[in-house]
Amino acid sequence: MLDDLEAAFDEEQPQKGRPLHRRKKRRGGGGKSVIALVMVLLIFGGLAGAGYYGFDRARNYLTTPDYDGPGGEETMIEVKNGDSATSIGNGLYKLDVVKSAKAFINAANENADSKNIQTGFYKVKKQMKASDALLALLNLENRVSTKVTINEGLTTFQIFDELSKATEIPVDDFKEAAKDPVALGVPDFWFTRSDGKTTEKSIEGFLFPETYNFDPGLNAKETLQVMVRHFLDVTTEIDFVKKVEADRGITPYDALMVASLSQAEAGIATDLPKVSRVIYNTLFVPNAEIGFCECLRLDVTINYGHQLEGRDAKESKNITAAELADASNPWNSHKNKGLPPSAINNPGKQALEGAMSPADGKWYFFVAIDKDGNSAFAETYSEQQKNEQKAREAGVL
């Protein structure tokens, strides 16, 4: 095109040796001049357009699109484990929370606290300034969850009630989900016993007590799976499995049952490892006075059997002689040797540690001696009788 344009201009130049006024006018020469002019305009117009287009592209590249308002309609975004600023920014962009993912990435790079964003669901607003969206994700008050506190020593029946109240999921849904503990994440090896008794797999003991913030939309099974995962995390953290196998010579399930028994019996946390020691001595260490009893004689196991049948637990003084003598009840540890059929509640970390590393002592007896929950421990029955008298005087027996 440039050659054609130059040719068009050349035809308008005077020829050497010929005066301009004697030049013979050529037919169509004016048309070629118009064509040349049009071509010039097209070329320079194209260059100008290309320049504007390039400028516009550069401007978009140099200035990151971002909303400048506080936002409007509320929406919710999930931050998953391992999400980067880029993935979060892309998620916000798809929800029209930020005008561009790049704006959020820039805001995250400029704020050192961005690395503290926690997993979960968060309330945000559409069309927010990216830096404000970041601050919304750093503010835990914007986290959407159902908060439930599960205390140490609650049975599954009590836990299901608490969960149902908080989540509005029916209790029966939790009972149904709990029928298969392995499907909830409990490894099958956890149900192995040292005494060879048949194990009826129960979720009891594996619903770790803690304050939970459950994500919205979880069903009963998913809720219980969160609690089981936390149990496994805690037992891994304290190396529970390896230590009880190496130091106690028993299975992890044995130790879990001991932890649940001590959690039910100890009135204060400092007594947990002492109660565990009494249980281990009774089951595994013969005594010159009482022989090798192997019967734990704990009223809490009888009460757990009552609860399984839908009956209320009783205070020890209200348990009848017939109930104490009923050997047909597998939960009667006054008559049946060894550990009960399963854990009887869900013990906390201190109870697990107490069962894993019990206190040193030759105790076979203990009794609560005051209303603060302190217990007295004894090696002989005569010492136990003296402690029981103290308990009566304090009005706790």
Protein backbone atom coordinates (compact mmCIF):
# COMPACT_ATOMS: atom_id res chain seq x y z
CA MET A 1 0.00 0.00 0.00
CA LEU A 2 2.81 2.37 0.77
CA ASP A 3 4.28 1.75 -2.75
CA ASP A 4 0.93 2.57 -4.35
CA LEU A 5 0.68 5.73 -2.32
CA GLU A 6 4.18 6.82 -3.32
CA ALA A 7 3.33 6.12 -6.97
CA ALA A 8 0.26 8.28 -6.69
CA PHE A 9 2.34 11.15 -5.33
CA ASP A 10 5.01 10.68 -8.03
CA GLU A 11 2.47 11.20 -10.79
CA GLU A 12 1.76 14.68 -9.46
CA GLN A 13 5.40 15.82 -9.55
CA PRO A 14 6.69 17.91 -12.58
CA GLN A 15 8.93 16.15 -15.13
CA LYS A 16 12.45 17.40 -15.61
CA GLY A 17 12.93 19.81 -18.60
CA ARG A 18 9.23 20.53 -19.07
CA PRO A 19 7.58 23.72 -17.74
CA LEU A 20 4.63 23.13 -15.49
CA HIS A 21 2.29 25.39 -17.54
CA ARG A 22 2.86 23.29 -20.66
CA ARG A 23 2.17 19.97 -18.83
CA LYS A 24 -0.56 17.99 -20.55
CA LYS A 25 -3.39 17.15 -18.19
CA ARG A 26 -3.88 13.39 -17.87
CA ARG A 27 -7.34 11.85 -17.75
CA GLY A 28 -8.15 10.49 -14.31
CA GLY A 29 -5.24 12.14 -12.56
CA GLY A 30 -7.54 14.00 -10.12
CA GLY A 31 -9.13 10.71 -9.09
CA LYS A 32 -5.79 9.28 -8.16
CA SER A 33 -5.10 12.31 -5.97
CA VAL A 34 -8.35 11.74 -4.13
CA ILE A 35 -7.48 8.09 -3.64
CA ALA A 36 -4.10 9.06 -2.26
CA LEU A 37 -5.70 11.48 0.15
CA VAL A 38 -8.21 8.90 1.34
CA MET A 39 -5.44 6.37 1.83
CA VAL A 40 -3.49 8.84 3.93
CA LEU A 41 -6.49 9.52 6.09
CA LEU A 42 -7.17 5.80 6.50
CA ILE A 43 -3.60 5.07 7.45
CA PHE A 44 -3.31 7.86 9.99
CA GLY A 45 -6.79 7.13 11.29
CA GLY A 46 -5.84 3.47 11.75
CA LEU A 47 -2.68 4.45 13.53
CA ALA A 48 -4.63 6.73 15.81
CA GLY A 49 -7.17 3.99 16.52
CA ALA A 50 -4.45 1.50 17.21
CA GLY A 51 -2.85 4.00 19.51
CA TYR A 52 -6.07 4.51 21.44
CA TYR A 53 -6.65 0.76 21.66
CA GLY A 54 -3.14 0.23 22.94
CA PHE A 55 -3.56 3.04 25.44
CA ASP A 56 -6.80 1.55 26.65
CA ARG A 57 -5.16 -1.85 27.07
CA ALA A 58 -2.26 -0.30 28.95
CA ARG A 59 -4.59 1.70 31.15
CA ASN A 60 -6.52 -1.47 32.12
CA TYR A 61 -3.24 -3.21 32.80
CA LEU A 62 -1.84 -0.42 34.93
CA THR A 63 -5.06 0.41 36.83
CA THR A 64 -6.66 -2.66 38.49
CA PRO A 65 -10.48 -2.60 38.41
CA ASP A 66 -11.86 -2.19 41.94
CA TYR A 67 -15.17 -1.14 43.49
CA ASP A 68 -15.01 1.93 45.68
CA GLY A 69 -18.13 1.44 47.80
CA PRO A 70 -18.92 -0.50 51.01
CA GLY A 71 -20.98 -3.06 49.11
CA GLY A 72 -24.66 -3.87 49.03
CA GLU A 73 -26.40 -7.24 48.94
CA GLU A 74 -25.06 -9.79 51.43
CA THR A 75 -23.65 -13.09 50.25
CA MET A 76 -21.42 -15.84 51.67
CA ILE A 77 -18.09 -17.33 50.61
CA GLU A 78 -16.28 -20.43 51.82
CA VAL A 79 -12.55 -20.30 52.51
CA LYS A 80 -11.14 -23.81 52.26
CA ASN A 81 -8.00 -25.24 53.76
CA GLY A 82 -5.02 -24.36 51.59
CA ASP A 83 -6.78 -21.59 49.65
CA SER A 84 -4.37 -18.94 48.31
CA ALA A 85 -5.08 -15.24 47.83
CA THR A 86 -5.59 -16.01 44.16
CA SER A 87 -8.19 -18.73 44.75
CA ILE A 88 -10.01 -16.58 47.32
CA GLY A 89 -9.90 -13.61 44.95
CA ASN A 90 -11.32 -15.69 42.11
CA GLY A 91 -14.11 -16.89 44.37
CA LEU A 92 -14.95 -13.33 45.42
CA TYR A 93 -14.91 -12.19 41.78
CA LYS A 94 -17.34 -14.92 40.73
CA LEU A 95 -19.72 -13.76 43.48
CA ASP A 96 -19.32 -10.12 42.32
CA VAL A 97 -17.92 -9.21 45.71
CA VAL A 98 -14.81 -7.67 44.13
CA LYS A 99 -14.49 -6.13 40.70
CA SER A 100 -11.37 -8.16 39.89
CA ALA A 101 -9.41 -10.96 41.50
CA LYS A 102 -6.28 -8.87 40.97
CA ALA A 103 -7.65 -6.15 43.24
CA PHE A 104 -8.05 -8.67 46.08
CA ILE A 105 -4.60 -10.15 45.45
CA ASN A 106 -3.08 -6.66 45.61
CA ALA A 107 -4.93 -5.95 48.87
CA ALA A 108 -3.71 -9.24 50.33
CA ASN A 109 -0.11 -8.51 49.32
CA GLU A 110 -0.30 -5.13 51.01
CA ASN A 111 -1.73 -6.50 54.28
CA ALA A 112 0.52 -8.83 56.28
CA ASP A 113 -2.49 -10.08 58.26
CA SER A 114 -3.92 -11.69 55.12
CA LYS A 115 -2.01 -14.87 55.97
CA ASN A 116 -4.23 -15.20 59.07
CA ILE A 117 -7.45 -15.83 57.14
CA GLN A 118 -9.03 -18.95 58.64
CA THR A 119 -11.06 -21.61 56.92
CA GLY A 120 -14.84 -21.39 57.10
CA PHE A 121 -17.84 -19.55 55.71
CA TYR A 122 -17.93 -15.74 55.83
CA LYS A 123 -20.56 -13.07 55.31
CA VAL A 124 -19.48 -10.52 52.69
CA LYS A 125 -21.26 -7.97 50.48
CA LYS A 126 -21.44 -7.70 46.74
CA GLN A 127 -19.43 -4.94 45.04
CA MET A 128 -17.09 -4.19 47.94
CA LYS A 129 -13.75 -2.47 47.76
CA ALA A 130 -11.19 -5.29 47.68
CA SER A 131 -9.38 -4.10 50.81
CA ASP A 132 -12.72 -4.06 52.67
CA ALA A 133 -13.47 -7.59 51.47
CA LEU A 134 -10.13 -8.69 52.90
CA LEU A 135 -10.91 -7.08 56.26
CA ALA A 136 -14.28 -8.86 56.26
CA LEU A 137 -12.52 -12.22 55.94
CA LEU A 138 -10.13 -11.33 58.76
CA ASN A 139 -13.01 -10.45 61.09
CA LEU A 140 -14.20 -13.65 62.80
CA GLU A 141 -17.48 -11.94 63.65
CA ASN A 142 -18.32 -12.40 59.97
CA ARG A 143 -17.75 -16.12 60.15
CA VAL A 144 -20.98 -18.06 59.67
CA SER A 145 -21.16 -21.12 61.93
CA THR A 146 -23.12 -22.90 64.63
CA LYS A 147 -21.27 -22.71 67.94
CA VAL A 148 -21.71 -25.67 70.30
CA THR A 149 -19.77 -26.40 73.49
CA ILE A 150 -19.52 -30.08 74.43
CA ASN A 151 -18.26 -30.56 77.98
CA GLU A 152 -16.01 -33.39 79.14
CA GLY A 153 -17.74 -36.54 80.31
CA LEU A 154 -21.03 -36.18 78.44
CA THR A 155 -22.58 -39.36 77.09
CA THR A 156 -23.61 -39.65 73.46
CA PHE A 157 -27.25 -39.25 74.54
CA GLN A 158 -26.45 -35.90 76.10
CA ILE A 159 -24.27 -34.83 73.17
CA PHE A 160 -26.98 -35.63 70.63
CA ASP A 161 -29.40 -33.47 72.61
CA GLU A 162 -26.94 -30.55 72.67
CA LEU A 163 -26.19 -30.86 68.97
CA SER A 164 -29.86 -31.06 68.08
CA LYS A 165 -30.70 -27.92 70.05
CA ALA A 166 -27.97 -25.95 68.31
CA THR A 167 -28.31 -27.27 64.76
CA GLU A 168 -32.03 -28.17 64.69
CA ILE A 169 -31.06 -31.57 63.28
CA PRO A 170 -33.31 -34.25 64.86
CA VAL A 171 -31.78 -36.40 67.60
CA ASP A 172 -32.84 -39.50 65.70
CA ASP A 173 -30.62 -38.41 62.78
CA PHE A 174 -27.60 -38.40 65.09
CA LYS A 175 -28.56 -41.78 66.56
CA GLU A 176 -28.86 -43.25 63.06
CA ALA A 177 -25.51 -41.80 61.95
CA ALA A 178 -23.82 -43.11 65.12
CA LYS A 179 -24.73 -46.73 64.38
CA ASP A 180 -21.61 -47.10 62.24
CA PRO A 181 -18.59 -45.51 63.99
CA VAL A 182 -16.21 -46.71 61.28
CA ALA A 183 -18.23 -44.81 58.65
CA LEU A 184 -17.80 -41.73 60.85
CA GLY A 185 -14.03 -42.08 60.64
CA VAL A 186 -13.08 -44.24 63.64
CA PRO A 187 -10.33 -46.63 62.46
CA ASP A 188 -11.35 -50.25 62.97
CA PHE A 189 -8.29 -51.05 65.11
CA TRP A 190 -9.70 -48.84 67.90
CA PHE A 191 -12.25 -51.53 68.76
CA THR A 192 -9.69 -54.18 69.74
CA ARG A 193 -9.68 -55.22 73.42
CA SER A 194 -6.91 -56.90 75.41
CA ASP A 195 -9.31 -59.17 77.30
CA GLY A 196 -10.66 -60.86 74.18
CA LYS A 197 -14.27 -59.86 74.89
CA THR A 198 -16.49 -59.26 71.87
CA THR A 199 -16.65 -55.59 71.08
CA GLU A 200 -19.93 -54.03 70.08
CA LYS A 201 -18.72 -51.00 68.17
CA SER A 202 -19.97 -47.81 69.77
CA ILE A 203 -19.31 -44.16 69.01
CA GLU A 204 -19.13 -43.56 72.77
CA GLY A 205 -15.73 -42.15 73.66
CA PHE A 206 -14.91 -40.81 70.20
CA LEU A 207 -16.95 -37.58 70.22
CA PHE A 208 -14.27 -35.31 71.57
CA PRO A 209 -15.45 -32.60 74.01
CA GLU A 210 -14.67 -29.13 72.66
CA THR A 211 -16.25 -25.86 71.55
CA TYR A 212 -17.09 -26.38 67.89
CA ASN A 213 -18.01 -23.93 65.14
CA PHE A 214 -19.87 -26.14 62.70
CA ASP A 215 -20.13 -24.91 59.11
CA PRO A 216 -23.64 -24.26 57.80
CA GLY A 217 -25.37 -27.03 55.92
CA LEU A 218 -23.75 -30.02 57.67
CA ASN A 219 -25.97 -33.04 58.24
CA ALA A 220 -25.84 -35.34 61.29
CA LYS A 221 -23.20 -37.65 59.85
CA GLU A 222 -20.93 -34.79 58.77
CA THR A 223 -21.27 -33.11 62.18
CA LEU A 224 -20.21 -36.28 64.01
CA GLN A 225 -17.36 -36.77 61.55
CA VAL A 226 -15.97 -33.37 62.55
CA MET A 227 -15.92 -34.47 66.21
CA VAL A 228 -14.31 -37.83 65.41
CA ARG A 229 -11.59 -36.12 63.36
CA HIS A 230 -10.86 -33.87 66.32
CA PHE A 231 -10.60 -36.92 68.60
CA LEU A 232 -8.08 -38.49 66.23
CA ASP A 233 -6.14 -35.21 66.00
CA VAL A 234 -5.87 -34.93 69.79
CA THR A 235 -4.89 -38.58 70.35
CA THR A 236 -2.27 -38.23 67.60
CA GLU A 237 -0.95 -35.04 69.20
CA ILE A 238 -0.39 -36.75 72.57
CA ASP A 239 0.80 -40.00 70.91
CA PHE A 240 -1.93 -41.90 72.77
CA VAL A 241 -1.93 -45.11 70.74
CA LYS A 242 1.80 -45.81 70.82
CA LYS A 243 2.25 -44.88 74.47
CA VAL A 244 -0.54 -47.00 75.90
CA GLU A 245 0.59 -49.97 73.83
CA ALA A 246 4.25 -49.55 74.85
CA ASP A 247 3.91 -48.32 78.45
CA ARG A 248 0.67 -49.96 79.60
CA GLY A 249 0.74 -53.10 77.47
CA ILE A 250 -2.93 -52.72 76.61
CA THR A 251 -4.91 -51.63 73.56
CA PRO A 252 -5.88 -48.01 72.89
CA TYR A 253 -9.54 -48.97 73.36
CA ASP A 254 -8.78 -50.34 76.85
CA ALA A 255 -7.16 -47.04 77.77
CA LEU A 256 -10.04 -45.05 76.25
CA MET A 257 -12.47 -46.95 78.47
CA VAL A 258 -10.27 -46.24 81.50
CA ALA A 259 -10.22 -42.54 80.57
CA SER A 260 -14.02 -42.47 80.38
CA LEU A 261 -14.33 -44.17 83.78
CA SER A 262 -11.92 -41.76 85.43
CA GLN A 263 -13.69 -38.82 83.74
CA ALA A 264 -16.95 -40.00 85.34
CA GLU A 265 -15.45 -40.65 88.78
CA ALA A 266 -12.92 -37.86 89.36
CA GLY A 267 -14.36 -34.68 90.83
CA ILE A 268 -11.34 -32.56 89.92
CA ALA A 269 -8.84 -32.71 87.06
CA THR A 270 -5.83 -33.44 89.29
CA ASP A 271 -7.46 -36.67 90.45
CA LEU A 272 -7.85 -38.07 86.93
CA PRO A 273 -4.47 -39.88 86.80
CA LYS A 274 -5.01 -41.17 90.36
CA VAL A 275 -8.38 -42.70 89.50
CA SER A 276 -6.79 -44.28 86.42
CA ARG A 277 -4.13 -45.80 88.66
CA VAL A 278 -6.80 -47.31 90.94
CA ILE A 279 -8.47 -48.89 87.89
CA TYR A 280 -5.20 -50.32 86.57
CA ASN A 281 -4.21 -51.66 90.01
CA THR A 282 -7.63 -53.28 90.48
CA LEU A 283 -7.56 -54.97 87.08
CA PHE A 284 -3.94 -55.94 86.72
CA VAL A 285 -2.05 -55.83 90.08
CA PRO A 286 -2.92 -58.48 92.75
CA ASN A 287 -3.20 -57.19 96.30
CA ALA A 288 -2.38 -59.19 99.44
CA GLU A 289 -5.56 -58.01 101.15
CA ILE A 290 -8.13 -58.22 98.39
CA GLY A 291 -6.45 -60.71 96.07
CA PHE A 292 -6.89 -60.35 92.34
CA CYS A 293 -10.39 -58.90 92.33
CA GLU A 294 -10.71 -57.67 88.74
CA CYS A 295 -14.11 -56.13 89.59
CA LEU A 296 -14.04 -52.35 89.44
CA ARG A 297 -17.14 -51.91 91.67
CA LEU A 298 -18.08 -48.58 90.05
CA ASP A 299 -21.65 -47.34 90.23
CA VAL A 300 -21.18 -45.18 87.12
CA THR A 301 -21.17 -48.28 84.91
CA ILE A 302 -24.52 -49.43 86.28
CA ASN A 303 -25.92 -45.98 85.61
CA TYR A 304 -24.69 -46.06 82.02
CA GLY A 305 -26.54 -49.33 81.51
CA HIS A 306 -29.68 -47.64 82.83
CA GLN A 307 -29.23 -44.79 80.35
CA LEU A 308 -28.85 -47.23 77.46
CA GLU A 309 -32.26 -48.58 78.43
CA GLY A 310 -33.75 -45.10 78.52
CA ARG A 311 -33.76 -44.84 82.30
CA ASP A 312 -32.34 -41.99 84.36
CA ALA A 313 -29.03 -42.28 86.20
CA LYS A 314 -29.21 -42.67 89.98
CA GLU A 315 -27.12 -41.38 92.82
CA SER A 316 -25.03 -44.15 94.35
CA LYS A 317 -27.13 -44.18 97.54
CA ASN A 318 -30.25 -44.88 95.46
CA ILE A 319 -28.89 -47.88 93.55
CA THR A 320 -30.66 -50.90 94.98
CA ALA A 321 -29.06 -54.07 96.36
CA ALA A 322 -30.74 -56.03 93.57
CA GLU A 323 -29.14 -53.79 90.94
CA LEU A 324 -25.73 -54.20 92.58
CA ALA A 325 -26.13 -58.00 92.60
CA ASP A 326 -27.44 -58.33 89.02
CA ALA A 327 -24.64 -60.12 87.17
CA SER A 328 -26.81 -60.42 84.05
CA ASN A 329 -26.30 -56.72 83.47
CA PRO A 330 -23.03 -56.50 81.46
CA TRP A 331 -22.55 -52.96 82.78
CA ASN A 332 -22.53 -54.07 86.40
CA SER A 333 -18.86 -53.75 87.34
CA HIS A 334 -19.63 -54.90 90.88
CA LYS A 335 -20.21 -58.43 89.58
CA ASN A 336 -18.61 -58.60 86.13
CA LYS A 337 -14.85 -58.69 85.84
CA GLY A 338 -12.76 -56.38 83.73
CA LEU A 339 -13.63 -53.33 81.73
CA PRO A 340 -17.22 -52.57 80.65
CA PRO A 341 -18.51 -53.30 77.13
CA SER A 342 -17.50 -49.84 75.90
CA ALA A 343 -16.55 -46.38 77.06
CA ILE A 344 -19.30 -44.81 79.17
CA ASN A 345 -18.83 -41.19 78.11
CA ASN A 346 -16.58 -38.96 76.04
CA PRO A 347 -13.43 -38.05 77.98
CA GLY A 348 -11.36 -34.91 77.50
CA LYS A 349 -7.65 -34.52 76.89
CA GLN A 350 -6.65 -34.57 80.57
CA ALA A 351 -8.55 -37.80 81.17
CA LEU A 352 -6.88 -39.38 78.13
CA GLU A 353 -3.47 -38.28 79.41
CA GLY A 354 -4.30 -39.65 82.87
CA ALA A 355 -5.17 -43.05 81.39
CA MET A 356 -2.05 -42.95 79.24
CA SER A 357 0.26 -41.94 82.11
CA PRO A 358 -1.42 -42.74 85.45
CA ALA A 359 -0.10 -41.44 88.75
CA ASP A 360 2.28 -43.61 90.79
CA GLY A 361 0.54 -45.25 93.74
CA LYS A 362 -0.62 -48.51 95.28
CA TRP A 363 -4.20 -47.40 95.71
CA TYR A 364 -7.18 -49.73 95.33
CA PHE A 365 -9.85 -47.47 96.78
CA PHE A 366 -11.02 -43.87 96.56
CA VAL A 367 -13.98 -41.80 97.69
CA ALA A 368 -15.06 -38.17 97.32
CA ILE A 369 -14.60 -36.47 100.68
CA ASP A 370 -15.91 -32.94 100.14
CA LYS A 371 -18.37 -30.97 98.05
CA ASP A 372 -15.53 -29.51 95.97
CA GLY A 373 -14.97 -32.90 94.38
CA ASN A 374 -11.68 -33.84 96.06
CA SER A 375 -11.15 -37.57 96.57
CA ALA A 376 -9.12 -39.48 99.15
CA PHE A 377 -7.19 -42.55 97.96
CA ALA A 378 -6.35 -45.63 100.02
CA GLU A 379 -4.24 -48.76 99.70
CA THR A 380 -6.25 -50.81 102.20
CA TYR A 381 -9.91 -51.20 102.97
CA SER A 382 -9.43 -50.01 106.54
CA GLU A 383 -8.02 -46.73 105.18
CA GLN A 384 -10.97 -46.54 102.80
CA GLN A 385 -13.40 -46.89 105.72
CA LYS A 386 -11.79 -43.92 107.46
CA ASN A 387 -12.08 -41.86 104.28
CA GLU A 388 -15.71 -42.86 103.92
CA GLN A 389 -16.36 -41.57 107.44
CA LYS A 390 -14.86 -38.22 106.41
CA ALA A 391 -17.16 -38.20 103.41
CA ARG A 392 -20.21 -38.84 105.62
CA GLU A 393 -19.21 -36.05 107.94
CA ALA A 394 -18.90 -33.72 104.95
CA GLY A 395 -22.35 -34.76 103.75
CA VAL A 396 -21.19 -36.26 100.45
CA LEU A 397 -21.78 -39.94 101.19
